[in-house]
Amino acid sequence: WDIFRTQVPFLILHDAKRANDIAHSIMLIVEQGGYLPKWPLANGHTNCMIGSHADIILSDLIMKREHDSHLNMTQVLEAL
């Protein structure tokens, strides 16, 4: 559950395509479920995790300017 601290920043720097895949998956959850995921389980929303790790993942990708042109920034800002 703690991949936003080490794994995702590493992916952003070394495999931006995979990091973008993660961002698009997060945004698909927003589109289909109406929320940023907090420890989803079996396609459901548990809301039992403290913090907002999806926010950090999306923000990190954008601030490092590694997001692809397919990421809808309006949708991201609304989700955040």
N, C-alpha and C. Protein backbone atom coordinates (compact mmCIF):
# COMPACT_ATOMS: atom_id res chain seq x y z
N TRP A 1 0.81 -1.20 0.00
CA TRP A 1 0.00 0.00 0.00
C TRP A 1 0.85 1.26 0.00
N ASP A 2 2.12 1.12 0.27
CA ASP A 2 2.98 2.29 0.44
C ASP A 2 3.85 2.54 -0.79
N ILE A 3 3.38 2.17 -1.97
CA ILE A 3 4.20 2.30 -3.17
C ILE A 3 4.39 3.74 -3.61
N PHE A 4 3.57 4.67 -3.11
CA PHE A 4 3.69 6.06 -3.53
C PHE A 4 4.98 6.69 -3.03
N ARG A 5 5.60 6.12 -2.01
CA ARG A 5 6.83 6.70 -1.45
C ARG A 5 8.08 6.32 -2.23
N THR A 6 8.13 5.10 -2.74
CA THR A 6 9.36 4.64 -3.38
C THR A 6 9.16 4.08 -4.79
N GLN A 7 8.21 3.17 -4.94
CA GLN A 7 8.06 2.48 -6.22
C GLN A 7 7.58 3.41 -7.33
N VAL A 8 6.55 4.19 -7.08
CA VAL A 8 6.02 5.07 -8.12
C VAL A 8 7.02 6.16 -8.50
N PRO A 9 7.67 6.84 -7.55
CA PRO A 9 8.69 7.81 -7.97
C PRO A 9 9.80 7.17 -8.82
N PHE A 10 10.19 5.94 -8.47
CA PHE A 10 11.18 5.22 -9.28
C PHE A 10 10.63 4.96 -10.68
N LEU A 11 9.39 4.51 -10.76
CA LEU A 11 8.78 4.25 -12.08
C LEU A 11 8.67 5.53 -12.91
N ILE A 12 8.32 6.63 -12.28
CA ILE A 12 8.20 7.89 -13.01
C ILE A 12 9.52 8.25 -13.67
N LEU A 13 10.60 8.05 -12.96
CA LEU A 13 11.92 8.40 -13.51
C LEU A 13 12.47 7.37 -14.48
N HIS A 14 12.12 6.10 -14.31
CA HIS A 14 12.75 5.05 -15.11
C HIS A 14 11.81 4.33 -16.07
N ASP A 15 10.51 4.47 -15.89
CA ASP A 15 9.55 3.82 -16.79
C ASP A 15 8.26 4.65 -16.78
N ALA A 16 8.34 5.82 -17.41
CA ALA A 16 7.22 6.76 -17.40
C ALA A 16 5.97 6.16 -18.02
N LYS A 17 6.13 5.27 -18.99
CA LYS A 17 4.96 4.64 -19.62
C LYS A 17 4.17 3.85 -18.59
N ARG A 18 4.86 3.08 -17.77
CA ARG A 18 4.18 2.29 -16.74
C ARG A 18 3.55 3.20 -15.69
N ALA A 19 4.24 4.28 -15.31
CA ALA A 19 3.68 5.23 -14.35
C ALA A 19 2.41 5.87 -14.92
N ASN A 20 2.41 6.16 -16.22
CA ASN A 20 1.21 6.70 -16.85
C ASN A 20 0.09 5.67 -16.88
N ASP A 21 0.43 4.41 -17.05
CA ASP A 21 -0.59 3.35 -16.99
C ASP A 21 -1.27 3.35 -15.61
N ILE A 22 -0.47 3.53 -14.55
CA ILE A 22 -1.02 3.59 -13.20
C ILE A 22 -1.94 4.80 -13.07
N ALA A 23 -1.49 5.95 -13.58
CA ALA A 23 -2.30 7.17 -13.51
C ALA A 23 -3.62 7.00 -14.26
N HIS A 24 -3.56 6.37 -15.43
CA HIS A 24 -4.78 6.15 -16.20
C HIS A 24 -5.72 5.17 -15.48
N SER A 25 -5.16 4.18 -14.80
CA SER A 25 -5.99 3.26 -14.01
C SER A 25 -6.67 4.00 -12.86
N ILE A 26 -5.93 4.88 -12.21
CA ILE A 26 -6.50 5.68 -11.13
C ILE A 26 -7.65 6.53 -11.66
N MET A 27 -7.43 7.16 -12.80
CA MET A 27 -8.46 8.03 -13.36
C MET A 27 -9.66 7.23 -13.88
N LEU A 28 -9.43 6.00 -14.29
CA LEU A 28 -10.54 5.14 -14.69
C LEU A 28 -11.42 4.80 -13.48
N ILE A 29 -10.80 4.60 -12.33
CA ILE A 29 -11.56 4.38 -11.10
C ILE A 29 -12.40 5.61 -10.78
N VAL A 30 -11.79 6.80 -10.96
CA VAL A 30 -12.54 8.04 -10.73
C VAL A 30 -13.73 8.12 -11.68
N GLU A 31 -13.49 7.82 -12.95
CA GLU A 31 -14.55 7.91 -13.96
C GLU A 31 -15.68 6.92 -13.67
N GLN A 32 -15.33 5.71 -13.29
CA GLN A 32 -16.34 4.68 -13.09
C GLN A 32 -16.95 4.69 -11.70
N GLY A 33 -16.18 5.13 -10.71
CA GLY A 33 -16.67 5.05 -9.34
C GLY A 33 -16.91 6.39 -8.67
N GLY A 34 -16.35 7.45 -9.26
CA GLY A 34 -16.58 8.77 -8.71
C GLY A 34 -15.68 9.17 -7.56
N TYR A 35 -14.59 8.46 -7.34
CA TYR A 35 -13.71 8.78 -6.22
C TYR A 35 -12.27 8.39 -6.56
N LEU A 36 -11.32 9.04 -5.90
CA LEU A 36 -9.93 8.59 -5.97
C LEU A 36 -9.81 7.39 -5.04
N PRO A 37 -9.15 6.34 -5.49
CA PRO A 37 -9.12 5.11 -4.69
C PRO A 37 -8.34 5.26 -3.38
N LYS A 38 -8.91 4.68 -2.34
CA LYS A 38 -8.24 4.53 -1.05
C LYS A 38 -8.35 3.06 -0.68
N TRP A 39 -7.38 2.30 -1.10
CA TRP A 39 -7.31 0.87 -0.86
C TRP A 39 -8.54 0.14 -1.39
N PRO A 40 -8.73 0.17 -2.73
CA PRO A 40 -9.87 -0.56 -3.30
C PRO A 40 -9.68 -2.06 -3.11
N LEU A 41 -10.79 -2.76 -2.95
CA LEU A 41 -10.76 -4.20 -2.74
C LEU A 41 -11.89 -4.84 -3.54
N ALA A 42 -11.55 -5.75 -4.44
CA ALA A 42 -12.55 -6.47 -5.22
C ALA A 42 -13.51 -5.51 -5.93
N ASN A 43 -12.94 -4.52 -6.58
CA ASN A 43 -13.71 -3.51 -7.32
C ASN A 43 -14.65 -2.70 -6.44
N GLY A 44 -14.36 -2.63 -5.16
CA GLY A 44 -15.18 -1.85 -4.25
C GLY A 44 -14.34 -0.80 -3.54
N HIS A 45 -15.00 0.09 -2.85
CA HIS A 45 -14.35 1.19 -2.16
C HIS A 45 -14.37 0.91 -0.66
N THR A 46 -13.20 0.67 -0.06
CA THR A 46 -13.14 0.37 1.37
C THR A 46 -13.03 1.63 2.22
N ASN A 47 -12.37 2.67 1.67
CA ASN A 47 -12.19 3.94 2.37
C ASN A 47 -11.56 3.75 3.75
N CYS A 48 -10.72 2.73 3.89
CA CYS A 48 -10.14 2.47 5.21
C CYS A 48 -8.68 2.89 5.31
N MET A 49 -8.13 3.48 4.27
CA MET A 49 -6.74 3.91 4.30
C MET A 49 -6.67 5.39 4.68
N ILE A 50 -5.74 5.72 5.56
CA ILE A 50 -5.56 7.13 5.88
C ILE A 50 -4.74 7.78 4.77
N GLY A 51 -4.91 9.03 4.57
CA GLY A 51 -4.17 9.75 3.54
C GLY A 51 -4.81 9.57 2.18
N SER A 52 -4.20 10.21 1.20
CA SER A 52 -4.70 10.16 -0.17
C SER A 52 -3.54 9.85 -1.10
N HIS A 53 -3.20 8.61 -1.20
CA HIS A 53 -2.02 8.19 -1.95
C HIS A 53 -2.17 8.43 -3.44
N ALA A 54 -3.39 8.29 -3.97
CA ALA A 54 -3.61 8.53 -5.39
C ALA A 54 -3.31 9.99 -5.74
N ASP A 55 -3.64 10.91 -4.82
CA ASP A 55 -3.33 12.33 -5.04
C ASP A 55 -1.84 12.52 -5.23
N ILE A 56 -1.06 11.87 -4.38
CA ILE A 56 0.39 12.02 -4.42
C ILE A 56 0.96 11.43 -5.70
N ILE A 57 0.47 10.28 -6.11
CA ILE A 57 0.95 9.65 -7.33
C ILE A 57 0.67 10.54 -8.54
N LEU A 58 -0.55 11.04 -8.66
CA LEU A 58 -0.89 11.90 -9.79
C LEU A 58 -0.08 13.20 -9.76
N SER A 59 0.02 13.81 -8.61
CA SER A 59 0.75 15.07 -8.48
C SER A 59 2.22 14.91 -8.82
N ASP A 60 2.81 13.84 -8.34
CA ASP A 60 4.23 13.58 -8.61
C ASP A 60 4.48 13.41 -10.10
N LEU A 61 3.64 12.66 -10.77
CA LEU A 61 3.77 12.45 -12.21
C LEU A 61 3.66 13.77 -12.96
N ILE A 62 2.72 14.61 -12.57
CA ILE A 62 2.52 15.89 -13.25
C ILE A 62 3.65 16.86 -12.95
N MET A 63 4.07 16.96 -11.70
CA MET A 63 5.13 17.90 -11.34
C MET A 63 6.46 17.54 -11.98
N LYS A 64 6.70 16.26 -12.22
CA LYS A 64 7.93 15.85 -12.90
C LYS A 64 7.79 15.91 -14.41
N ARG A 65 6.61 16.38 -14.87
CA ARG A 65 6.32 16.57 -16.30
C ARG A 65 6.53 15.28 -17.11
N GLU A 66 6.11 14.18 -16.51
CA GLU A 66 6.23 12.89 -17.19
C GLU A 66 4.88 12.35 -17.63
N HIS A 67 3.80 13.11 -17.40
CA HIS A 67 2.47 12.64 -17.80
C HIS A 67 2.33 12.73 -19.31
N ASP A 68 1.57 11.80 -19.86
CA ASP A 68 1.37 11.81 -21.31
C ASP A 68 0.20 12.72 -21.68
N SER A 69 0.06 12.96 -22.97
CA SER A 69 -0.95 13.91 -23.45
C SER A 69 -2.37 13.37 -23.32
N HIS A 70 -2.51 12.09 -23.01
CA HIS A 70 -3.84 11.49 -22.89
C HIS A 70 -4.46 11.68 -21.50
N LEU A 71 -3.66 12.17 -20.56
CA LEU A 71 -4.18 12.39 -19.21
C LEU A 71 -5.00 13.68 -19.21
N ASN A 72 -6.27 13.55 -18.90
CA ASN A 72 -7.19 14.69 -18.91
C ASN A 72 -6.96 15.51 -17.65
N MET A 73 -6.27 16.65 -17.80
CA MET A 73 -5.90 17.45 -16.65
C MET A 73 -7.12 18.05 -15.94
N THR A 74 -8.16 18.37 -16.69
CA THR A 74 -9.39 18.88 -16.07
C THR A 74 -9.99 17.82 -15.16
N GLN A 75 -10.03 16.58 -15.64
CA GLN A 75 -10.57 15.48 -14.85
C GLN A 75 -9.70 15.25 -13.61
N VAL A 76 -8.38 15.33 -13.77
CA VAL A 76 -7.46 15.13 -12.64
C VAL A 76 -7.72 16.20 -11.59
N LEU A 77 -7.79 17.47 -12.01
CA LEU A 77 -8.01 18.55 -11.05
C LEU A 77 -9.35 18.41 -10.33
N GLU A 78 -10.39 18.01 -11.05
CA GLU A 78 -11.68 17.80 -10.41
C GLU A 78 -11.63 16.66 -9.41
N ALA A 79 -10.89 15.62 -9.72
CA ALA A 79 -10.78 14.47 -8.81
C ALA A 79 -9.99 14.85 -7.56
N LEU A 80 -8.95 15.66 -7.75
CA LEU A 80 -8.15 16.07 -6.60
C LEU A 80 -8.95 16.99 -5.70
